[in-house]
N, C-alpha and C. Protein backbone atom coordinates (compact mmCIF):
# COMPACT_ATOMS: atom_id res chain seq x y z
N MET A 1 -28.35 -2.77 -14.15
CA MET A 1 -26.98 -2.34 -14.09
C MET A 1 -26.59 -2.11 -12.63
N ILE A 2 -25.45 -2.63 -12.26
CA ILE A 2 -24.95 -2.48 -10.90
C ILE A 2 -23.81 -1.46 -10.91
N THR A 3 -23.87 -0.53 -9.98
CA THR A 3 -22.81 0.46 -9.84
C THR A 3 -22.15 0.25 -8.49
N LEU A 4 -20.85 0.10 -8.52
CA LEU A 4 -20.10 -0.06 -7.28
C LEU A 4 -19.41 1.25 -6.94
N THR A 5 -19.57 1.68 -5.70
CA THR A 5 -18.91 2.88 -5.22
C THR A 5 -18.04 2.48 -4.05
N LEU A 6 -16.77 2.86 -4.10
CA LEU A 6 -15.83 2.48 -3.06
C LEU A 6 -15.59 3.64 -2.10
N PHE A 7 -15.76 3.36 -0.82
CA PHE A 7 -15.49 4.33 0.24
C PHE A 7 -14.45 3.72 1.17
N PHE A 8 -13.62 4.56 1.78
CA PHE A 8 -12.63 4.10 2.74
C PHE A 8 -12.92 4.71 4.10
N SER A 9 -12.68 3.93 5.13
CA SER A 9 -12.81 4.40 6.51
C SER A 9 -11.46 4.14 7.17
N GLU A 10 -10.82 5.20 7.64
CA GLU A 10 -9.46 5.08 8.15
C GLU A 10 -9.26 5.88 9.43
N CYS A 11 -8.14 5.60 10.08
CA CYS A 11 -7.70 6.35 11.25
C CYS A 11 -7.21 7.73 10.79
N PHE A 12 -7.38 8.73 11.62
CA PHE A 12 -7.00 10.10 11.27
C PHE A 12 -5.52 10.25 10.92
N ARG A 13 -4.66 9.35 11.40
CA ARG A 13 -3.24 9.44 11.09
C ARG A 13 -2.94 9.23 9.61
N LYS A 14 -3.89 8.62 8.90
CA LYS A 14 -3.69 8.38 7.46
C LYS A 14 -4.22 9.51 6.60
N ASP A 15 -4.77 10.54 7.23
CA ASP A 15 -5.31 11.68 6.48
C ASP A 15 -4.19 12.67 6.21
N VAL A 16 -3.49 12.46 5.10
CA VAL A 16 -2.37 13.32 4.71
C VAL A 16 -2.51 13.69 3.24
N SER A 17 -1.90 14.79 2.87
CA SER A 17 -1.96 15.19 1.46
C SER A 17 -0.80 14.59 0.66
N VAL A 18 0.27 14.17 1.35
CA VAL A 18 1.41 13.54 0.68
C VAL A 18 1.69 12.20 1.34
N LEU A 19 1.64 11.12 0.56
CA LEU A 19 1.88 9.78 1.07
C LEU A 19 3.26 9.69 1.71
N GLY A 20 3.33 9.10 2.90
CA GLY A 20 4.59 8.96 3.61
C GLY A 20 4.87 10.05 4.62
N THR A 21 3.95 11.00 4.76
CA THR A 21 4.14 12.10 5.71
C THR A 21 4.12 11.59 7.15
N ASN A 22 3.12 10.81 7.51
CA ASN A 22 2.99 10.30 8.88
C ASN A 22 3.50 8.87 9.01
N TRP A 23 3.07 8.02 8.13
CA TRP A 23 3.41 6.59 8.19
C TRP A 23 4.73 6.37 7.49
N LYS A 24 5.72 5.86 8.20
CA LYS A 24 7.06 5.63 7.64
C LYS A 24 7.34 4.15 7.41
N GLY A 25 6.33 3.30 7.59
CA GLY A 25 6.52 1.86 7.45
C GLY A 25 6.53 1.35 6.03
N GLY A 26 6.26 2.21 5.08
CA GLY A 26 6.32 1.80 3.68
C GLY A 26 4.98 1.37 3.12
N VAL A 27 5.00 1.06 1.84
CA VAL A 27 3.82 0.60 1.12
C VAL A 27 3.81 -0.93 1.18
N PRO A 28 2.72 -1.54 1.67
CA PRO A 28 2.67 -3.00 1.69
C PRO A 28 2.42 -3.54 0.28
N ILE A 29 3.16 -4.58 -0.06
CA ILE A 29 3.02 -5.24 -1.36
C ILE A 29 2.90 -6.73 -1.11
N GLU A 30 1.79 -7.32 -1.55
CA GLU A 30 1.58 -8.76 -1.39
C GLU A 30 2.24 -9.47 -2.56
N VAL A 31 3.06 -10.48 -2.24
CA VAL A 31 3.80 -11.20 -3.27
C VAL A 31 3.67 -12.71 -3.07
N VAL A 32 3.77 -13.44 -4.17
CA VAL A 32 3.79 -14.90 -4.11
C VAL A 32 5.02 -15.30 -3.29
N ASP A 33 4.84 -16.26 -2.39
CA ASP A 33 5.91 -16.60 -1.45
C ASP A 33 7.25 -16.91 -2.11
N LEU A 34 7.26 -17.67 -3.19
CA LEU A 34 8.52 -18.04 -3.83
C LEU A 34 9.16 -16.89 -4.61
N ALA A 35 8.43 -15.81 -4.80
CA ALA A 35 8.93 -14.70 -5.60
C ALA A 35 9.40 -13.51 -4.77
N TYR A 36 9.35 -13.63 -3.44
CA TYR A 36 9.61 -12.43 -2.64
C TYR A 36 11.00 -11.85 -2.87
N ARG A 37 12.01 -12.68 -2.98
CA ARG A 37 13.38 -12.16 -3.15
C ARG A 37 13.56 -11.48 -4.51
N PRO A 38 13.18 -12.12 -5.63
CA PRO A 38 13.29 -11.43 -6.92
C PRO A 38 12.46 -10.14 -6.98
N VAL A 39 11.29 -10.14 -6.35
CA VAL A 39 10.46 -8.93 -6.33
C VAL A 39 11.17 -7.82 -5.57
N MET A 40 11.76 -8.15 -4.44
CA MET A 40 12.48 -7.14 -3.66
C MET A 40 13.63 -6.53 -4.47
N LEU A 41 14.36 -7.37 -5.18
CA LEU A 41 15.47 -6.88 -6.01
C LEU A 41 14.96 -5.99 -7.13
N GLN A 42 13.86 -6.39 -7.78
CA GLN A 42 13.26 -5.58 -8.85
C GLN A 42 12.76 -4.24 -8.31
N LEU A 43 12.13 -4.28 -7.16
CA LEU A 43 11.64 -3.04 -6.53
C LEU A 43 12.77 -2.04 -6.35
N GLU A 44 13.83 -2.50 -5.75
CA GLU A 44 14.95 -1.60 -5.47
C GLU A 44 15.64 -1.14 -6.75
N ARG A 45 15.67 -2.01 -7.77
CA ARG A 45 16.31 -1.64 -9.04
C ARG A 45 15.46 -0.65 -9.81
N LEU A 46 14.15 -0.91 -9.90
CA LEU A 46 13.26 -0.08 -10.71
C LEU A 46 12.83 1.22 -10.02
N LEU A 47 12.53 1.12 -8.73
CA LEU A 47 11.90 2.25 -8.03
C LEU A 47 12.73 2.81 -6.88
N ARG A 48 13.90 2.25 -6.67
CA ARG A 48 14.78 2.68 -5.58
C ARG A 48 14.11 2.40 -4.23
N GLY A 49 14.54 3.09 -3.23
CA GLY A 49 13.98 2.85 -1.90
C GLY A 49 14.51 1.56 -1.30
N GLN A 50 13.82 1.08 -0.27
CA GLN A 50 14.24 -0.13 0.42
C GLN A 50 13.05 -1.06 0.60
N ALA A 51 13.23 -2.32 0.24
CA ALA A 51 12.18 -3.32 0.38
C ALA A 51 12.60 -4.34 1.43
N THR A 52 11.68 -4.63 2.37
CA THR A 52 11.97 -5.64 3.40
C THR A 52 10.79 -6.59 3.52
N LEU A 53 11.11 -7.84 3.78
CA LEU A 53 10.08 -8.84 4.01
C LEU A 53 9.52 -8.61 5.40
N ARG A 54 8.19 -8.51 5.52
CA ARG A 54 7.56 -8.27 6.82
C ARG A 54 7.59 -9.55 7.64
N MET A 55 8.20 -9.46 8.81
CA MET A 55 8.32 -10.63 9.67
C MET A 55 7.21 -10.65 10.71
N ALA A 56 6.78 -11.85 11.06
CA ALA A 56 5.72 -12.03 12.04
C ALA A 56 6.24 -11.67 13.44
N VAL A 57 5.32 -11.29 14.31
CA VAL A 57 5.69 -10.91 15.67
C VAL A 57 5.53 -12.07 16.64
N LYS A 58 4.46 -12.84 16.51
CA LYS A 58 4.16 -13.90 17.48
C LYS A 58 4.47 -15.29 16.95
N LYS A 59 5.23 -15.38 15.86
CA LYS A 59 5.65 -16.68 15.35
C LYS A 59 6.94 -16.47 14.57
N MET A 60 7.62 -17.55 14.27
CA MET A 60 8.85 -17.48 13.48
C MET A 60 8.50 -17.31 12.01
N GLY A 61 9.29 -16.52 11.32
CA GLY A 61 9.13 -16.40 9.88
C GLY A 61 8.33 -15.18 9.47
N PRO A 62 8.07 -15.10 8.16
CA PRO A 62 7.37 -13.93 7.62
C PRO A 62 5.87 -13.96 7.89
N VAL A 63 5.25 -12.79 7.77
CA VAL A 63 3.79 -12.70 7.82
C VAL A 63 3.25 -13.41 6.58
N VAL A 64 2.23 -14.23 6.77
CA VAL A 64 1.60 -14.94 5.66
C VAL A 64 0.16 -14.44 5.56
N THR A 65 -0.24 -14.01 4.36
CA THR A 65 -1.60 -13.50 4.16
C THR A 65 -2.60 -14.65 4.14
N ASP A 66 -3.88 -14.32 4.13
CA ASP A 66 -4.93 -15.34 4.04
C ASP A 66 -4.80 -16.17 2.77
N ASN A 67 -4.18 -15.60 1.75
CA ASN A 67 -4.00 -16.31 0.48
C ASN A 67 -2.69 -17.09 0.43
N GLY A 68 -1.95 -17.11 1.52
CA GLY A 68 -0.69 -17.85 1.57
C GLY A 68 0.49 -17.11 0.98
N ASN A 69 0.35 -15.81 0.78
CA ASN A 69 1.42 -15.00 0.20
C ASN A 69 2.18 -14.26 1.29
N PHE A 70 3.28 -13.64 0.91
CA PHE A 70 4.10 -12.85 1.83
C PHE A 70 3.84 -11.37 1.60
N LEU A 71 4.25 -10.56 2.58
CA LEU A 71 4.14 -9.10 2.46
C LEU A 71 5.54 -8.48 2.47
N ILE A 72 5.74 -7.59 1.52
CA ILE A 72 6.95 -6.78 1.47
C ILE A 72 6.55 -5.36 1.82
N ASP A 73 7.34 -4.71 2.65
CA ASP A 73 7.13 -3.29 2.94
C ASP A 73 8.18 -2.51 2.15
N TRP A 74 7.71 -1.65 1.26
CA TRP A 74 8.61 -0.86 0.42
C TRP A 74 8.61 0.58 0.90
N VAL A 75 9.75 1.03 1.41
CA VAL A 75 9.92 2.41 1.86
C VAL A 75 10.54 3.17 0.69
N PHE A 76 9.79 4.13 0.16
CA PHE A 76 10.22 4.86 -1.03
C PHE A 76 11.07 6.06 -0.65
N ASP A 77 11.94 6.45 -1.59
CA ASP A 77 12.82 7.60 -1.37
C ASP A 77 12.05 8.91 -1.33
N LYS A 78 11.17 9.09 -2.31
CA LYS A 78 10.38 10.32 -2.39
C LYS A 78 9.07 10.03 -3.10
N PRO A 79 8.04 10.80 -2.81
CA PRO A 79 6.75 10.59 -3.49
C PRO A 79 6.91 10.78 -5.00
N GLY A 80 6.06 10.09 -5.73
CA GLY A 80 6.12 10.19 -7.19
C GLY A 80 4.74 10.12 -7.80
N ASP A 81 4.69 9.73 -9.04
CA ASP A 81 3.43 9.54 -9.76
C ASP A 81 2.88 8.18 -9.33
N TRP A 82 1.96 8.19 -8.36
CA TRP A 82 1.49 6.95 -7.74
C TRP A 82 0.76 6.03 -8.71
N ALA A 83 0.07 6.57 -9.69
CA ALA A 83 -0.59 5.73 -10.69
C ALA A 83 0.46 4.96 -11.48
N HIS A 84 1.52 5.65 -11.89
CA HIS A 84 2.60 5.00 -12.64
C HIS A 84 3.33 3.98 -11.76
N ILE A 85 3.61 4.35 -10.52
CA ILE A 85 4.29 3.45 -9.60
C ILE A 85 3.46 2.21 -9.35
N ASN A 86 2.16 2.37 -9.14
CA ASN A 86 1.27 1.23 -8.91
C ASN A 86 1.28 0.29 -10.11
N THR A 87 1.21 0.84 -11.31
CA THR A 87 1.24 0.02 -12.53
C THR A 87 2.58 -0.71 -12.64
N THR A 88 3.66 -0.01 -12.37
CA THR A 88 5.00 -0.62 -12.42
C THR A 88 5.09 -1.77 -11.43
N LEU A 89 4.60 -1.57 -10.21
CA LEU A 89 4.62 -2.63 -9.20
C LEU A 89 3.85 -3.85 -9.66
N LYS A 90 2.65 -3.64 -10.19
CA LYS A 90 1.80 -4.76 -10.59
C LYS A 90 2.33 -5.51 -11.81
N MET A 91 3.24 -4.89 -12.55
CA MET A 91 3.84 -5.54 -13.71
C MET A 91 5.02 -6.44 -13.33
N ILE A 92 5.48 -6.36 -12.09
CA ILE A 92 6.59 -7.21 -11.64
C ILE A 92 6.04 -8.61 -11.40
N PRO A 93 6.60 -9.63 -12.07
CA PRO A 93 6.12 -10.99 -11.85
C PRO A 93 6.23 -11.38 -10.38
N GLY A 94 5.15 -11.92 -9.83
CA GLY A 94 5.12 -12.32 -8.43
C GLY A 94 4.35 -11.37 -7.54
N VAL A 95 4.11 -10.14 -8.01
CA VAL A 95 3.33 -9.19 -7.23
C VAL A 95 1.85 -9.52 -7.39
N VAL A 96 1.17 -9.69 -6.27
CA VAL A 96 -0.26 -10.01 -6.28
C VAL A 96 -1.09 -8.73 -6.18
N GLU A 97 -0.74 -7.87 -5.23
CA GLU A 97 -1.50 -6.63 -5.00
C GLU A 97 -0.62 -5.64 -4.25
N THR A 98 -1.00 -4.37 -4.33
CA THR A 98 -0.26 -3.34 -3.59
C THR A 98 -1.19 -2.66 -2.60
N GLY A 99 -0.60 -1.93 -1.68
CA GLY A 99 -1.38 -1.16 -0.71
C GLY A 99 -1.73 0.22 -1.22
N LEU A 100 -1.50 0.46 -2.50
CA LEU A 100 -1.87 1.74 -3.10
C LEU A 100 -3.26 1.62 -3.70
N PHE A 101 -4.12 2.52 -3.38
CA PHE A 101 -5.49 2.52 -3.91
C PHE A 101 -5.64 3.77 -4.76
N VAL A 102 -5.07 3.71 -5.96
CA VAL A 102 -5.00 4.88 -6.84
C VAL A 102 -6.30 5.05 -7.61
N ASN A 103 -6.89 6.23 -7.47
CA ASN A 103 -8.11 6.61 -8.21
C ASN A 103 -9.25 5.60 -8.03
N MET A 104 -9.37 5.02 -6.85
CA MET A 104 -10.40 4.01 -6.61
C MET A 104 -11.56 4.52 -5.76
N ALA A 105 -11.28 5.37 -4.80
CA ALA A 105 -12.31 5.76 -3.84
C ALA A 105 -13.03 7.03 -4.26
N LYS A 106 -14.32 7.05 -4.02
CA LYS A 106 -15.12 8.25 -4.24
C LYS A 106 -15.04 9.18 -3.04
N LYS A 107 -14.80 8.59 -1.87
CA LYS A 107 -14.77 9.38 -0.65
C LYS A 107 -14.02 8.58 0.42
N ALA A 108 -13.35 9.29 1.33
CA ALA A 108 -12.67 8.65 2.45
C ALA A 108 -13.15 9.31 3.74
N TYR A 109 -13.37 8.49 4.75
CA TYR A 109 -13.81 8.96 6.06
C TYR A 109 -12.69 8.68 7.06
N PHE A 110 -12.30 9.71 7.83
CA PHE A 110 -11.24 9.57 8.81
C PHE A 110 -11.79 9.84 10.19
N GLY A 111 -11.70 8.83 11.06
CA GLY A 111 -12.15 8.98 12.43
C GLY A 111 -11.11 9.66 13.28
N ARG A 112 -11.54 10.59 14.11
CA ARG A 112 -10.64 11.31 15.01
C ARG A 112 -10.84 10.80 16.44
N SER A 113 -9.86 11.01 17.28
CA SER A 113 -9.95 10.53 18.67
C SER A 113 -11.10 11.18 19.42
N SER A 114 -11.56 12.36 18.97
CA SER A 114 -12.67 13.06 19.61
C SER A 114 -14.02 12.44 19.24
N GLY A 115 -14.00 11.54 18.27
CA GLY A 115 -15.25 10.94 17.79
C GLY A 115 -15.76 11.59 16.52
N GLU A 116 -15.17 12.71 16.15
CA GLU A 116 -15.56 13.39 14.91
C GLU A 116 -15.08 12.58 13.70
N VAL A 117 -15.75 12.80 12.58
CA VAL A 117 -15.37 12.16 11.33
C VAL A 117 -15.09 13.24 10.30
N HIS A 118 -13.91 13.17 9.70
CA HIS A 118 -13.52 14.11 8.64
C HIS A 118 -13.68 13.39 7.31
N THR A 119 -14.25 14.07 6.33
CA THR A 119 -14.47 13.49 5.01
C THR A 119 -13.54 14.14 4.00
N ARG A 120 -12.97 13.30 3.13
CA ARG A 120 -12.10 13.82 2.06
C ARG A 120 -12.53 13.18 0.75
N GLU A 121 -12.62 14.01 -0.28
CA GLU A 121 -12.94 13.52 -1.62
C GLU A 121 -11.72 13.72 -2.51
N PRO A 122 -11.58 12.90 -3.57
CA PRO A 122 -10.42 13.03 -4.45
C PRO A 122 -10.32 14.43 -5.06
N THR A 123 -9.10 14.86 -5.29
CA THR A 123 -8.88 16.16 -5.92
C THR A 123 -8.75 16.03 -7.43
N HIS A 124 -8.58 14.79 -7.92
CA HIS A 124 -8.47 14.60 -9.37
C HIS A 124 -9.86 14.63 -10.01
N THR A 125 -9.88 14.82 -11.32
CA THR A 125 -11.16 14.84 -12.04
C THR A 125 -11.32 13.63 -12.89
């Protein structure tokens, strides 16, 4: 039997108790390229907030993932039930994956500029 345990290693700026406290760029959502516009409309209709197609910096056009998909950045109005929101997002046709990692990690490690590492474990049971 194989047991998989997921750990995250992140920058200290992502160590927050409420999503959206430090990072204001939104939740990244990977979408099939031809579906980006309908997905953006559904996002704003179902979950409010603002959805924008992430544009590339060093080339013309949108950012393209390794899988050939586009990225939408969804800036939410207020925090909510992230498990429900993640499920709602994944049910929208054209959504491949979200940047929400709900109830997946056993532990997260946050590196600080001093070189120290802070550990956080989930508060849910």
